[in-house]
Amino acid sequence: MKSIETLLSSFERELRFRNYSASSIRTYKTAILLLDKSFDKPIEEITCNEFKHFLYKKVDADDLSTSFINQQISAFKILQVDILERDWNPIRIKRPRKNLKLPNILSLEEINLILNAISNMKHRAMVSLMYSAGLRRSEVLAIKPQNIDSKRMRVKVENGKGGKDRYTILSAKTLDTLRLHYRYNRPKVYLFEPNGKPGQKLSTATIRSVVKKAVEKARIAKKVSCHTFRHCFATHLLENNINLKVIQQMMGHSSLKTTSRYLQVANITPENISSPFDGLNV
């Protein structure tokens, strides 16, 4: 019988071999630890039926999200099949209905107020890049100077969500801000590094704090997170008549269905649409 520490070590090695991100590894390990604490028996003795009952109780008692249930199932499956080398009995449970929550979208004026509320050059460059290129928080923190292609005006995102690389657009105004930041701060490895710690990534806590303080200073009443700027990027492109498929590629979405939800928040009215007939020479 293996200890939970030994199982977790093997479990983490398996996830690293699959090229899971550090955040995904933490999430899956937390799922296994929760399972271990919920039973008065070694985790390798938990049967699939017991695991199903555990999930049913969690859904009923704690009103947990669909994503949480899926994470639990995925973690348990990897443990069973790849670590304990057992056959997998597919688990079929009724998942909680997922509510569709539409993101808050900022106007251009509100984004301008937020950026103008950031006096630190490095921090302003960071938030500007996050919005203007539609980057996830983890992606902007991992950007390196060589990922900024000023010749072709694009940004290369390496090892994004799902381990995928992609290209997105580089704003000319953002490029000017990035150049000022680079000349002043001289980062060594990552484009945004902590003061006095060359070669290290800026922390997620720092970028969260920068956004929170700027939103408060700009007196924006809407709930705003780092990810809000990515939502705004996609929505504003859609409002500027950029093809949905192009937006999907820049956002790094695997499915067009994910990108299409921005149709529900984009301000597209009949007044902004012209009939193709008006382009005819008749």
Protein backbone atom coordinates (compact mmCIF):
# COMPACT_ATOMS: atom_id res chain seq x y z
CA MET A 1 0.00 0.00 0.00
CA LYS A 2 1.46 3.33 -1.08
CA SER A 3 1.35 6.45 1.06
CA ILE A 4 -0.59 9.48 -0.17
CA GLU A 5 2.71 11.34 -0.55
CA THR A 6 4.09 8.61 -2.86
CA LEU A 7 0.89 8.55 -4.90
CA LEU A 8 0.88 12.35 -5.22
CA SER A 9 4.50 12.31 -6.36
CA SER A 10 3.71 9.75 -9.08
CA PHE A 11 0.54 11.67 -9.94
CA GLU A 12 2.47 14.93 -10.39
CA ARG A 13 5.10 13.23 -12.58
CA GLU A 14 2.33 11.91 -14.81
CA LEU A 15 0.78 15.37 -15.20
CA ARG A 16 4.16 16.92 -15.95
CA PHE A 17 4.77 14.24 -18.57
CA ARG A 18 1.45 15.24 -20.15
CA ASN A 19 2.65 18.86 -20.18
CA TYR A 20 -0.07 20.13 -17.86
CA SER A 21 0.41 23.69 -16.65
CA ALA A 22 1.53 24.40 -13.10
CA SER A 23 -1.93 25.73 -12.19
CA SER A 24 -3.63 22.61 -13.59
CA ILE A 25 -1.27 20.38 -11.62
CA ARG A 26 -2.13 22.26 -8.41
CA THR A 27 -5.85 21.94 -9.15
CA TYR A 28 -5.67 18.19 -9.82
CA LYS A 29 -3.49 17.53 -6.77
CA THR A 30 -5.97 19.46 -4.64
CA ALA A 31 -8.74 17.25 -6.03
CA ILE A 32 -6.86 14.09 -4.99
CA LEU A 33 -6.13 15.49 -1.52
CA LEU A 34 -9.81 16.35 -1.03
CA LEU A 35 -10.74 12.82 -1.99
CA ASP A 36 -8.17 11.38 0.42
CA LYS A 37 -9.49 13.50 3.31
CA SER A 38 -13.11 12.54 2.58
CA PHE A 39 -12.66 8.81 3.16
CA ASP A 40 -11.57 6.79 6.20
CA LYS A 41 -9.65 4.39 3.98
CA PRO A 42 -6.57 4.50 1.71
CA ILE A 43 -7.31 6.30 -1.53
CA GLU A 44 -6.40 3.26 -3.65
CA GLU A 45 -9.21 1.31 -1.98
CA ILE A 46 -11.90 3.78 -3.01
CA THR A 47 -14.20 2.14 -5.56
CA CYS A 48 -15.85 3.85 -8.49
CA ASN A 49 -19.26 3.50 -6.84
CA GLU A 50 -17.95 5.13 -3.66
CA PHE A 51 -16.45 7.91 -5.74
CA LYS A 52 -19.79 8.48 -7.52
CA HIS A 53 -21.55 8.66 -4.16
CA PHE A 54 -18.93 11.17 -2.97
CA LEU A 55 -19.66 13.37 -6.01
CA TYR A 56 -23.43 13.16 -5.54
CA LYS A 57 -23.06 14.29 -1.93
CA LYS A 58 -20.82 17.19 -2.96
CA VAL A 59 -23.26 18.35 -5.62
CA ASP A 60 -26.26 18.15 -3.27
CA ALA A 61 -24.62 19.61 -0.17
CA ASP A 62 -22.22 22.19 -1.56
CA ASP A 63 -23.86 23.20 -4.86
CA LEU A 64 -20.55 22.78 -6.65
CA SER A 65 -19.84 23.86 -10.21
CA THR A 66 -19.68 21.65 -13.28
CA SER A 67 -16.00 22.45 -13.71
CA PHE A 68 -15.26 21.26 -10.16
CA ILE A 69 -17.03 17.94 -10.78
CA ASN A 70 -15.19 17.47 -14.07
CA GLN A 71 -11.86 18.17 -12.38
CA GLN A 72 -12.61 15.57 -9.72
CA ILE A 73 -13.53 12.96 -12.32
CA SER A 74 -10.47 13.69 -14.47
CA ALA A 75 -8.10 13.55 -11.49
CA PHE A 76 -9.60 10.29 -10.23
CA LYS A 77 -9.41 8.73 -13.71
CA ILE A 78 -5.70 9.58 -14.06
CA LEU A 79 -5.07 8.15 -10.60
CA GLN A 80 -6.95 4.94 -11.40
CA VAL A 81 -5.62 4.29 -14.91
CA ASP A 82 -2.10 5.73 -14.96
CA ILE A 83 -0.96 5.49 -11.35
CA LEU A 84 -2.81 2.46 -9.99
CA GLU A 85 -2.96 0.76 -13.44
CA ARG A 86 -6.59 -0.24 -13.21
CA ASP A 87 -9.34 -0.51 -15.79
CA TRP A 88 -11.56 2.54 -16.01
CA ASN A 89 -15.27 2.20 -15.47
CA PRO A 90 -16.78 5.32 -17.09
CA ILE A 91 -18.59 7.41 -14.53
CA ARG A 92 -21.97 8.74 -15.57
CA ILE A 93 -23.53 11.24 -13.20
CA LYS A 94 -25.96 14.06 -13.70
CA ARG A 95 -23.83 17.16 -13.65
CA PRO A 96 -25.25 20.42 -12.29
CA ARG A 97 -26.64 22.68 -14.97
CA LYS A 98 -24.07 25.32 -15.73
CA ASN A 99 -25.37 28.88 -15.66
CA LEU A 100 -24.20 31.03 -18.54
CA LYS A 101 -22.63 34.13 -17.02
CA LEU A 102 -21.90 36.89 -19.46
CA PRO A 103 -18.70 38.87 -18.82
CA ASN A 104 -18.64 42.53 -17.86
CA ILE A 105 -17.48 44.62 -20.79
CA LEU A 106 -15.77 47.99 -20.36
CA SER A 107 -16.20 50.83 -22.82
CA LEU A 108 -13.16 52.34 -24.49
CA GLU A 109 -13.59 55.37 -22.25
CA GLU A 110 -13.50 53.19 -19.12
CA ILE A 111 -10.38 51.36 -20.30
CA ASN A 112 -8.76 54.72 -20.99
CA LEU A 113 -9.58 55.88 -17.45
CA ILE A 114 -8.07 52.72 -15.96
CA LEU A 115 -4.85 52.99 -17.98
CA ASN A 116 -4.47 56.67 -17.13
CA ALA A 117 -4.84 55.76 -13.44
CA ILE A 118 -1.63 53.67 -13.65
CA SER A 119 1.42 55.89 -13.15
CA ASN A 120 4.05 53.13 -13.03
CA MET A 121 5.45 52.69 -16.55
CA LYS A 122 6.00 48.93 -16.27
CA HIS A 123 2.53 48.34 -14.89
CA ARG A 124 0.87 50.48 -17.54
CA ALA A 125 2.76 48.63 -20.29
CA MET A 126 1.68 45.31 -18.80
CA VAL A 127 -2.04 46.14 -18.64
CA SER A 128 -1.89 47.79 -22.08
CA LEU A 129 -0.45 44.61 -23.58
CA MET A 130 -2.98 42.43 -21.77
CA TYR A 131 -5.89 44.38 -23.28
CA SER A 132 -4.50 45.23 -26.72
CA ALA A 133 -3.41 41.65 -27.49
CA GLY A 134 -6.15 39.77 -25.62
CA LEU A 135 -3.73 37.94 -23.33
CA ARG A 136 -4.53 35.83 -20.31
CA ARG A 137 -2.92 36.93 -17.04
CA SER A 138 -0.46 34.01 -17.08
CA GLU A 139 0.41 34.74 -20.70
CA VAL A 140 1.30 38.39 -20.18
CA LEU A 141 3.53 37.44 -17.22
CA ALA A 142 5.35 34.85 -19.37
CA ILE A 143 5.96 37.18 -22.35
CA LYS A 144 9.63 37.69 -23.25
CA PRO A 145 11.10 40.59 -25.26
CA GLN A 146 11.69 38.31 -28.26
CA ASN A 147 7.97 37.52 -28.37
CA ILE A 148 7.27 41.10 -29.47
CA ASP A 149 7.58 41.19 -33.27
CA SER A 150 7.65 44.88 -34.19
CA LYS A 151 8.40 44.12 -37.87
CA ARG A 152 5.17 42.17 -38.41
CA MET A 153 3.31 43.88 -35.55
CA ARG A 154 2.31 40.73 -33.74
CA VAL A 155 2.85 39.04 -30.39
CA LYS A 156 3.83 35.40 -30.08
CA VAL A 157 2.21 33.58 -27.17
CA GLU A 158 4.24 30.51 -26.25
CA ASN A 159 2.81 27.57 -24.32
CA GLY A 160 -0.57 29.18 -23.75
CA LYS A 161 -3.61 27.35 -22.42
CA GLY A 162 -3.45 23.72 -23.45
CA GLY A 163 0.27 24.10 -24.24
CA LYS A 164 -0.51 25.81 -27.56
CA ASP A 165 1.44 28.59 -29.28
CA ARG A 166 -0.37 31.33 -31.18
CA TYR A 167 0.04 34.80 -32.63
CA THR A 168 -2.06 37.83 -31.82
CA ILE A 169 -1.90 41.47 -32.84
CA LEU A 170 0.53 44.10 -31.54
CA SER A 171 -0.89 47.58 -31.09
CA ALA A 172 1.28 50.43 -32.35
CA LYS A 173 0.50 52.50 -29.24
CA THR A 174 1.26 49.55 -26.99
CA LEU A 175 4.57 49.06 -28.81
CA ASP A 176 5.56 52.65 -27.99
CA THR A 177 4.73 52.03 -24.31
CA LEU A 178 6.65 48.74 -24.29
CA ARG A 179 9.72 50.42 -25.78
CA LEU A 180 9.69 53.10 -23.09
CA HIS A 181 9.38 50.42 -20.41
CA TYR A 182 12.18 48.34 -21.92
CA ARG A 183 14.60 51.26 -22.20
CA TYR A 184 13.90 52.32 -18.61
CA ASN A 185 13.68 48.96 -16.81
CA ARG A 186 15.95 46.75 -18.97
CA PRO A 187 14.36 43.35 -18.25
CA LYS A 188 16.69 40.36 -18.56
CA VAL A 189 14.49 37.35 -19.39
CA TYR A 190 10.82 38.23 -19.06
CA LEU A 191 9.37 41.47 -20.34
CA PHE A 192 7.90 42.22 -16.90
CA GLU A 193 10.14 41.38 -13.94
CA PRO A 194 10.01 42.33 -10.24
CA ASN A 195 12.24 45.21 -9.17
CA GLY A 196 15.61 43.89 -8.01
CA LYS A 197 14.87 40.35 -9.23
CA PRO A 198 16.13 40.11 -12.82
CA GLY A 199 15.19 36.95 -14.70
CA GLN A 200 12.10 36.24 -12.58
CA LYS A 201 8.44 36.53 -13.53
CA LEU A 202 6.27 39.18 -11.95
CA SER A 203 3.80 37.55 -9.55
CA THR A 204 0.09 37.09 -10.24
CA ALA A 205 -0.60 38.93 -6.98
CA THR A 206 1.16 42.00 -8.37
CA ILE A 207 -0.83 42.19 -11.59
CA ARG A 208 -4.09 41.61 -9.68
CA SER A 209 -3.18 44.43 -7.29
CA VAL A 210 -2.28 46.78 -10.15
CA VAL A 211 -5.65 46.22 -11.82
CA LYS A 212 -7.62 46.51 -8.58
CA LYS A 213 -5.98 49.79 -7.55
CA ALA A 214 -6.35 51.30 -11.04
CA VAL A 215 -10.05 50.38 -11.21
CA GLU A 216 -10.64 51.93 -7.79
CA LYS A 217 -8.70 55.06 -8.71
CA ALA A 218 -10.64 55.38 -11.98
CA ARG A 219 -13.89 54.94 -10.00
CA ILE A 220 -15.21 52.19 -12.23
CA ALA A 221 -18.26 50.61 -10.62
CA LYS A 222 -18.20 47.41 -12.69
CA LYS A 223 -16.52 44.29 -11.40
CA VAL A 224 -13.17 44.15 -13.19
CA SER A 225 -10.48 41.46 -13.14
CA CYS A 226 -7.41 40.84 -15.29
CA HIS A 227 -9.52 38.57 -17.51
CA THR A 228 -12.00 41.40 -18.13
CA PHE A 229 -9.48 43.03 -20.47
CA ARG A 230 -9.32 39.85 -22.56
CA HIS A 231 -13.13 39.80 -22.79
CA CYS A 232 -13.06 43.47 -23.86
CA PHE A 233 -10.43 42.79 -26.52
CA ALA A 234 -12.62 40.15 -28.21
CA THR A 235 -15.83 42.17 -27.85
CA HIS A 236 -14.33 45.40 -29.20
CA LEU A 237 -12.84 43.56 -32.19
CA LEU A 238 -16.25 42.07 -32.91
CA GLU A 239 -17.82 45.54 -32.71
CA ASN A 240 -15.20 46.68 -35.24
CA ASN A 241 -16.46 44.03 -37.68
CA ILE A 242 -13.50 41.66 -37.29
CA ASN A 243 -14.38 38.13 -38.41
CA LEU A 244 -15.26 35.79 -35.55
CA LYS A 245 -12.87 33.12 -36.86
CA VAL A 246 -9.97 35.58 -36.78
CA ILE A 247 -10.85 36.53 -33.20
CA GLN A 248 -10.95 32.84 -32.26
CA GLN A 249 -7.40 32.36 -33.55
CA MET A 250 -6.06 35.41 -31.72
CA MET A 251 -7.79 34.37 -28.49
CA GLY A 252 -6.48 30.81 -28.75
CA HIS A 253 -9.92 29.22 -28.40
CA SER A 254 -10.16 25.58 -29.46
CA SER A 255 -13.84 25.95 -30.33
CA LEU A 256 -15.61 28.72 -32.21
CA LYS A 257 -18.49 28.18 -29.78
CA THR A 258 -16.36 29.71 -27.00
CA THR A 259 -15.68 32.82 -29.07
CA SER A 260 -19.28 33.15 -30.26
CA ARG A 261 -20.51 34.03 -26.76
CA TYR A 262 -19.14 37.54 -27.35
CA LEU A 263 -21.96 38.00 -29.85
CA GLN A 264 -24.24 38.28 -26.82
CA VAL A 265 -22.35 41.22 -25.29
CA ALA A 266 -21.12 43.05 -28.38
CA ASN A 267 -22.92 46.30 -29.18
CA ILE A 268 -23.92 45.44 -32.73
CA THR A 269 -27.08 47.25 -33.83
CA PRO A 270 -28.90 47.41 -37.19
CA GLU A 271 -27.82 51.04 -37.50
CA ASN A 272 -24.21 49.86 -37.82
CA ILE A 273 -24.99 47.34 -40.56
CA SER A 274 -25.36 48.11 -44.27
CA SER A 275 -27.06 45.84 -46.75
CA PRO A 276 -24.81 44.14 -49.34
CA PHE A 277 -27.22 45.52 -51.94
CA ASP A 278 -25.87 49.02 -51.24
CA GLY A 279 -22.53 47.91 -52.65
CA LEU A 280 -23.99 47.12 -56.06
CA ASN A 281 -23.57 49.42 -59.05
CA VAL A 282 -27.25 49.51 -60.07
